[in-house]
């Protein structure tokens, strides 16, 4: 199964899980009984919400402000839910057994019942909270969201991570050429095109720093299937597929250079008014220096020898160039690096 398909299925499943949990909490507060079939029905509402949001709405709301995105999705999800109920009514007849009663009701009788409107209100609340939680998780990133939720980064933590820093070549000239507003539309367009490659290689976007993007993986994930090595080249391929569109709209195709390293980093939550999870340590410093050397050498990507050694099968799909050394600022040591090229696109 492709990474993008897995991502979409996981997202739909998250809607189902969140909807079931929210419905369970609301039912407990209301003092009602919640049977397993009823809990399953709420989970189905969440799955239905996820299917609509991911497969029907897609990116149609991305141009709107965040509150309008949320309101638009909530309104459309509940509109489609009501339409689904209407279709079921037309398909199945005009008499139903409702809630715990065995007595059948006609549809106009159901619309006159207070229980029906309480149920509709609860469905609106459940689907709205599910959309809000999943959207916040998506904006923050899964690992960061769970880290905040579970208090994982309240204290600094040592982790083994792979870090890829991606920098736009000639960003100053491009900004002057396009102008400020058009330049940031250009960046957003380019970052959007990277999405499939990021999902395929299981990367987390740590942060955007202007024209630079920092991706990270837990060491196990970054070295698995050569994910961290493939990401840069998959992004290049993705941009090449859309080069005609980019040339037509902006008059250029972006070129990136990258530094890729892995090892021990310190992950910690920083800030009080605005909190974020930051990474620090020799790995971050080394990646920055590697980017500088890549610019000097005019090469696209430099990878540390230490990281390549963790992936012994890398030579099967990549051409590994001669070794160079990068002095690490403030440290009495150097990092050994190699230029990298992919032999052929993997399936």
Protein backbone atom coordinates (compact mmCIF):
# COMPACT_ATOMS: atom_id res chain seq x y z
CA UNK A 1 0.00 0.00 0.00
CA UNK A 2 1.37 3.42 -0.95
CA UNK A 3 2.28 5.90 1.79
CA UNK A 4 -0.27 8.44 0.53
CA UNK A 5 -3.07 5.84 0.70
CA UNK A 6 -1.96 4.82 4.20
CA UNK A 7 -1.98 8.47 5.24
CA UNK A 8 -5.54 8.99 3.99
CA UNK A 9 -6.82 5.79 5.61
CA UNK A 10 -5.15 6.71 8.92
CA UNK A 11 -6.76 10.14 8.75
CA UNK A 12 -10.23 8.67 8.16
CA UNK A 13 -9.66 6.22 11.01
CA UNK A 14 -8.68 9.13 13.29
CA UNK A 15 -12.02 10.78 12.56
CA UNK A 16 -13.79 7.58 13.59
CA UNK A 17 -11.77 7.26 16.80
CA UNK A 18 -12.19 10.90 17.83
CA UNK A 19 -15.94 10.85 17.08
CA UNK A 20 -16.41 7.71 19.19
CA UNK A 21 -14.44 9.21 22.11
CA UNK A 22 -16.31 12.52 21.99
CA UNK A 23 -19.68 10.76 21.82
CA UNK A 24 -18.70 8.55 24.75
CA UNK A 25 -17.77 11.60 26.87
CA UNK A 26 -20.96 13.47 25.95
CA UNK A 27 -23.06 10.42 26.78
CA UNK A 28 -21.38 10.06 30.18
CA UNK A 29 -22.09 13.71 31.00
CA UNK A 30 -25.71 13.33 29.87
CA UNK A 31 -26.14 10.30 32.12
CA UNK A 32 -27.34 8.11 29.26
CA UNK A 33 -26.48 4.48 28.60
CA UNK A 34 -24.05 3.86 25.76
CA UNK A 35 -24.16 0.42 24.20
CA UNK A 36 -21.44 -0.97 21.95
CA UNK A 37 -23.64 -0.78 18.81
CA UNK A 38 -24.43 2.88 19.55
CA UNK A 39 -20.73 3.62 20.04
CA UNK A 40 -20.09 1.92 16.71
CA UNK A 41 -22.74 4.16 15.12
CA UNK A 42 -20.90 7.26 16.37
CA UNK A 43 -17.64 5.84 15.02
CA UNK A 44 -19.36 5.39 11.65
CA UNK A 45 -20.39 9.07 11.77
CA UNK A 46 -16.72 9.92 12.31
CA UNK A 47 -15.63 7.71 9.41
CA UNK A 48 -18.27 9.33 7.20
CA UNK A 49 -16.94 12.76 8.24
CA UNK A 50 -13.39 11.69 7.43
CA UNK A 51 -14.35 10.32 4.01
CA UNK A 52 -16.09 13.58 3.12
CA UNK A 53 -13.24 15.75 4.39
CA UNK A 54 -10.42 13.79 2.77
CA UNK A 55 -11.91 12.48 -0.46
CA UNK A 56 -14.58 15.05 -1.35
CA UNK A 57 -13.46 18.39 0.09
CA UNK A 58 -9.72 17.80 -0.39
CA UNK A 59 -7.94 21.14 -0.69
CA UNK A 60 -10.97 23.13 -1.76
CA UNK A 61 -10.94 25.21 1.44
CA UNK A 62 -7.19 25.89 1.57
CA UNK A 63 -7.54 29.41 0.15
CA UNK A 64 -9.85 30.46 3.02
CA UNK A 65 -8.91 31.71 6.47
CA UNK A 66 -8.64 28.94 9.07
CA UNK A 67 -11.96 29.76 10.86
CA UNK A 68 -13.76 29.79 7.51
CA UNK A 69 -12.15 26.47 6.57
CA UNK A 70 -13.49 24.95 9.78
CA UNK A 71 -16.98 26.44 9.43
CA UNK A 72 -17.23 25.44 5.78
CA UNK A 73 -16.30 21.84 6.50
CA UNK A 74 -18.67 21.62 9.48
CA UNK A 75 -21.60 22.99 7.48
CA UNK A 76 -21.00 20.75 4.47
CA UNK A 77 -20.39 17.60 6.53
CA UNK A 78 -23.66 18.07 8.40
CA UNK A 79 -25.51 19.00 5.20
CA UNK A 80 -24.34 15.79 3.54
CA UNK A 81 -25.26 13.84 6.69
CA UNK A 82 -28.81 15.19 6.59
CA UNK A 83 -29.01 14.40 2.86
CA UNK A 84 -27.83 10.85 3.60
CA UNK A 85 -30.61 10.46 6.17
CA UNK A 86 -33.07 11.74 3.57
CA UNK A 87 -31.86 9.24 0.98
CA UNK A 88 -32.13 6.43 3.53
CA UNK A 89 -35.68 7.51 4.33
CA UNK A 90 -36.72 7.55 0.66
CA UNK A 91 -35.05 4.19 0.08
CA UNK A 92 -36.34 2.39 3.14
CA UNK A 93 -39.91 3.60 3.48
CA UNK A 94 -41.75 5.98 5.76
CA UNK A 95 -41.89 4.07 9.06
CA UNK A 96 -38.99 3.66 11.50
CA UNK A 97 -38.26 2.36 14.97
CA UNK A 98 -36.42 5.15 16.74
CA UNK A 99 -34.04 5.03 19.70
CA UNK A 100 -35.01 2.36 22.26
CA UNK A 101 -38.67 2.14 21.31
CA UNK A 102 -40.09 -0.74 19.28
CA UNK A 103 -43.01 1.36 18.03
CA UNK A 104 -42.60 2.50 14.42
CA UNK A 105 -42.86 6.22 13.63
CA UNK A 106 -43.70 8.06 10.43
CA UNK A 107 -41.10 10.55 9.23
CA UNK A 108 -43.19 13.65 10.00
CA UNK A 109 -43.67 12.33 13.55
CA UNK A 110 -39.92 11.94 13.99
CA UNK A 111 -39.32 15.55 12.87
CA UNK A 112 -41.68 16.68 15.61
CA UNK A 113 -39.84 14.86 18.41
CA UNK A 114 -37.46 16.66 20.78
CA UNK A 115 -35.24 13.53 20.95
CA UNK A 116 -34.59 13.80 17.23
CA UNK A 117 -33.27 17.36 17.51
CA UNK A 118 -31.14 16.46 20.52
CA UNK A 119 -29.67 13.64 18.46
CA UNK A 120 -29.02 15.97 15.52
CA UNK A 121 -27.39 18.53 17.83
CA UNK A 122 -25.18 15.84 19.33
CA UNK A 123 -24.20 14.67 15.84
CA UNK A 124 -23.26 18.25 14.89
CA UNK A 125 -21.17 18.66 18.06
CA UNK A 126 -19.43 15.29 17.60
CA UNK A 127 -18.57 15.85 13.94
CA UNK A 128 -17.45 19.45 14.60
CA UNK A 129 -15.10 18.43 17.42
CA UNK A 130 -13.75 15.57 15.32
CA UNK A 131 -12.96 17.98 12.47
CA UNK A 132 -11.34 20.46 14.87
CA UNK A 133 -9.14 17.86 16.61
CA UNK A 134 -7.95 16.21 13.39
CA UNK A 135 -7.27 19.57 11.73
CA UNK A 136 -5.23 20.80 14.71
CA UNK A 137 -3.29 17.51 14.67
CA UNK A 138 -2.63 17.99 10.96
CA UNK A 139 -1.44 21.58 11.38
CA UNK A 140 0.90 20.69 14.25
CA UNK A 141 2.09 17.35 12.91
CA UNK A 142 1.19 13.98 14.41
CA UNK A 143 4.26 13.48 16.60
CA UNK A 144 4.28 17.08 17.86
CA UNK A 145 0.55 16.96 18.61
CA UNK A 146 0.85 13.71 20.54
CA UNK A 147 3.93 15.06 22.29
CA UNK A 148 2.01 18.09 23.54
CA UNK A 149 -1.04 15.99 24.42
CA UNK A 150 0.96 13.47 26.45
CA UNK A 151 3.41 15.99 27.92
CA UNK A 152 6.29 14.20 26.22
CA UNK A 153 8.40 17.31 25.69
CA UNK A 154 7.78 19.09 28.99
CA UNK A 155 11.35 18.14 29.87
CA UNK A 156 14.24 18.06 27.36
CA UNK A 157 14.62 14.63 25.83
CA UNK A 158 17.47 12.96 23.95
CA UNK A 159 16.42 11.33 20.70
CA UNK A 160 18.10 9.68 17.74
CA UNK A 161 16.79 11.52 14.69
CA UNK A 162 17.57 12.10 11.04
CA UNK A 163 17.47 15.73 9.91
CA UNK A 164 17.21 17.03 6.33
CA UNK A 165 17.56 20.77 5.71
CA UNK A 166 16.32 21.90 2.30
CA UNK A 167 17.30 25.36 1.02
CA UNK A 168 16.06 27.20 -2.08
CA UNK A 169 18.90 28.16 -4.45
CA UNK A 170 18.94 31.84 -5.42
CA UNK A 171 16.08 32.79 -3.11
CA UNK A 172 17.08 36.47 -2.90
CA UNK A 173 17.09 36.88 -6.67
CA UNK A 174 13.78 35.02 -6.99
CA UNK A 175 12.17 37.23 -4.33
CA UNK A 176 13.34 40.37 -6.08
CA UNK A 177 12.10 39.06 -9.41
CA UNK A 178 8.65 37.99 -8.21
CA UNK A 179 7.99 40.57 -5.53
CA UNK A 180 7.14 39.81 -1.91
CA UNK A 181 3.52 38.65 -2.21
CA UNK A 182 4.03 36.61 -5.38
CA UNK A 183 7.20 35.09 -3.91
CA UNK A 184 5.31 33.70 -0.92
CA UNK A 185 2.57 32.37 -3.17
CA UNK A 186 5.37 30.69 -5.09
CA UNK A 187 6.81 29.15 -1.91
CA UNK A 188 3.39 27.89 -0.81
CA UNK A 189 2.82 26.35 -4.23
CA UNK A 190 6.19 24.61 -4.16
CA UNK A 191 5.73 23.35 -0.60
CA UNK A 192 2.31 22.01 -1.56
CA UNK A 193 3.85 20.06 -4.44
CA UNK A 194 6.23 18.40 -1.97
CA UNK A 195 3.36 16.82 -0.04
CA UNK A 196 3.23 13.49 -1.85
CA UNK A 197 7.00 12.98 -1.51
CA UNK A 198 6.89 13.86 2.20
CA UNK A 199 4.07 11.38 2.88
CA UNK A 200 5.66 8.66 0.74
CA UNK A 201 8.89 8.87 2.75
CA UNK A 202 7.20 9.20 6.17
CA UNK A 203 8.87 12.51 6.98
CA UNK A 204 7.82 15.08 9.58
CA UNK A 205 8.09 18.76 8.71
CA UNK A 206 9.87 20.26 11.70
CA UNK A 207 9.64 23.88 10.61
CA UNK A 208 9.70 26.36 7.75
CA UNK A 209 12.36 29.04 8.00
CA UNK A 210 11.60 31.37 5.10
CA UNK A 211 12.92 29.57 2.03
CA UNK A 212 14.31 26.68 4.07
CA UNK A 213 12.42 23.57 5.20
CA UNK A 214 13.64 21.20 7.90
CA UNK A 215 12.38 17.61 7.78
CA UNK A 216 12.98 15.04 10.51
CA UNK A 217 12.47 11.33 11.16
CA UNK A 218 13.05 9.11 14.16
CA UNK A 219 16.24 7.26 13.27
CA UNK A 220 14.42 3.97 12.72
CA UNK A 221 11.95 5.54 10.28
CA UNK A 222 14.51 7.68 8.46
CA UNK A 223 16.82 4.76 7.73
CA UNK A 224 13.99 2.33 6.88
CA UNK A 225 13.63 1.81 3.14
CA UNK A 226 16.16 4.65 2.67
CA UNK A 227 13.37 7.15 3.35
CA UNK A 228 15.66 10.02 4.28
CA UNK A 229 17.83 9.54 1.17
CA UNK A 230 14.87 9.27 -1.19
CA UNK A 231 13.01 12.36 -0.02
CA UNK A 232 15.24 14.94 -1.71
CA UNK A 233 15.17 13.12 -5.04
CA UNK A 234 11.42 12.47 -4.83
CA UNK A 235 10.88 16.21 -4.29
CA UNK A 236 13.06 16.94 -7.33
CA UNK A 237 11.02 14.50 -9.41
CA UNK A 238 7.76 16.00 -8.19
CA UNK A 239 8.86 19.52 -9.15
CA UNK A 240 10.04 18.29 -12.54
CA UNK A 241 6.60 16.81 -13.21
CA UNK A 242 5.10 20.28 -12.68
CA UNK A 243 7.84 22.36 -14.27
CA UNK A 244 5.60 23.53 -17.12
CA UNK A 245 2.99 24.81 -14.68
CA UNK A 246 5.65 26.53 -12.57
CA UNK A 247 7.27 28.16 -15.61
CA UNK A 248 3.92 29.34 -16.89
CA UNK A 249 2.86 30.85 -13.57
CA UNK A 250 6.18 32.10 -12.16
CA UNK A 251 8.65 31.92 -15.04
CA UNK A 252 11.03 29.55 -13.24
CA UNK A 253 11.46 26.11 -11.70
CA UNK A 254 12.92 26.03 -8.17
CA UNK A 255 16.19 24.25 -7.43
CA UNK A 256 17.06 23.13 -3.91
CA UNK A 257 20.22 22.10 -2.13
CA UNK A 258 20.21 19.96 0.99
CA UNK A 259 22.19 18.71 3.94
CA UNK A 260 21.30 15.38 5.55
CA UNK A 261 22.65 14.11 8.85
CA UNK A 262 21.54 11.93 11.74
CA UNK A 263 22.37 11.33 15.36
CA UNK A 264 21.45 12.44 18.84
CA UNK A 265 19.40 15.64 19.23
CA UNK A 266 17.72 17.33 22.17
CA UNK A 267 13.96 17.71 21.75
CA UNK A 268 12.28 20.17 24.08
CA UNK A 269 9.18 22.31 24.37
CA UNK A 270 10.07 26.01 24.36
CA UNK A 271 8.04 29.16 24.92
CA UNK A 272 5.09 30.08 27.13
CA UNK A 273 2.75 32.34 25.18
CA UNK A 274 3.44 30.39 21.99
CA UNK A 275 4.82 26.91 22.50
CA UNK A 276 6.69 24.79 20.01
CA UNK A 277 8.96 21.76 20.01
CA UNK A 278 12.52 22.64 19.05
CA UNK A 279 15.54 20.49 18.19
CA UNK A 280 19.09 21.36 19.14
CA UNK A 281 22.51 19.74 19.30
CA UNK A 282 25.48 18.93 17.09
CA UNK A 283 23.29 17.38 14.38
CA UNK A 284 21.42 20.66 13.78
CA UNK A 285 24.67 22.63 13.77
CA UNK A 286 26.30 20.14 11.40
CA UNK A 287 23.39 20.21 8.93
CA UNK A 288 23.66 23.99 8.75
CA UNK A 289 27.39 23.76 8.00
CA UNK A 290 26.75 21.08 5.38
CA UNK A 291 24.34 23.40 3.59
CA UNK A 292 27.05 26.04 3.48
CA UNK A 293 29.54 23.58 1.99
CA UNK A 294 26.98 22.40 -0.58
CA UNK A 295 26.63 26.03 -1.70
CA UNK A 296 30.39 26.44 -1.96
CA UNK A 297 30.81 23.16 -3.85
CA UNK A 298 27.72 23.89 -6.01
CA UNK A 299 26.27 20.43 -5.34
CA UNK A 300 22.64 19.55 -4.68
CA UNK A 301 22.92 17.35 -1.60
CA UNK A 302 25.53 16.35 0.96
CA UNK A 303 24.96 13.41 3.31
CA UNK A 304 27.04 12.60 6.36
CA UNK A 305 29.15 9.45 6.18
CA UNK A 306 27.88 8.57 9.66
CA UNK A 307 24.30 8.39 8.40
CA UNK A 308 25.21 6.46 5.24
CA UNK A 309 26.97 3.87 7.42
CA UNK A 310 23.63 3.22 9.13
CA UNK A 311 22.14 2.28 5.73
CA UNK A 312 24.49 -0.36 4.27
CA UNK A 313 22.23 -0.97 1.26
CA UNK A 314 22.36 2.70 0.18
CA UNK A 315 24.98 1.96 -2.49
CA UNK A 316 22.50 -0.31 -4.29
CA UNK A 317 20.36 2.64 -5.38
CA UNK A 318 22.62 5.66 -4.90
CA UNK A 319 25.95 6.82 -6.24
CA UNK A 320 28.05 7.95 -3.30
CA UNK A 321 30.63 10.59 -4.19
CA UNK A 322 34.09 11.24 -2.70
CA UNK A 323 34.38 12.09 0.96
CA UNK A 324 34.76 15.68 2.17
CA UNK A 325 35.06 17.12 5.65
CA UNK A 326 33.01 19.89 7.22
CA UNK A 327 34.35 21.72 10.30
CA UNK A 328 31.63 22.10 12.91
CA UNK A 329 31.44 25.58 14.35
CA UNK A 330 32.48 25.73 17.99
CA UNK A 331 33.58 22.06 18.04
CA UNK A 332 37.01 20.50 17.72
CA UNK A 333 35.88 17.93 15.23
CA UNK A 334 34.73 17.55 11.66
CA UNK A 335 31.85 15.81 9.91
CA UNK A 336 32.60 13.55 6.95
CA UNK A 337 30.17 14.07 4.08
CA UNK A 338 29.47 12.66 0.61
CA UNK A 339 27.66 13.98 -2.41
CA UNK A 340 24.77 11.73 -3.38
CA UNK A 341 22.99 10.93 -6.66
CA UNK A 342 20.20 8.43 -7.24
CA UNK A 343 20.86 5.80 -9.87
CA UNK A 344 17.22 5.30 -10.82
CA UNK A 345 13.76 6.02 -9.48
CA UNK A 346 12.52 3.29 -7.17
CA UNK A 347 9.14 1.75 -7.71
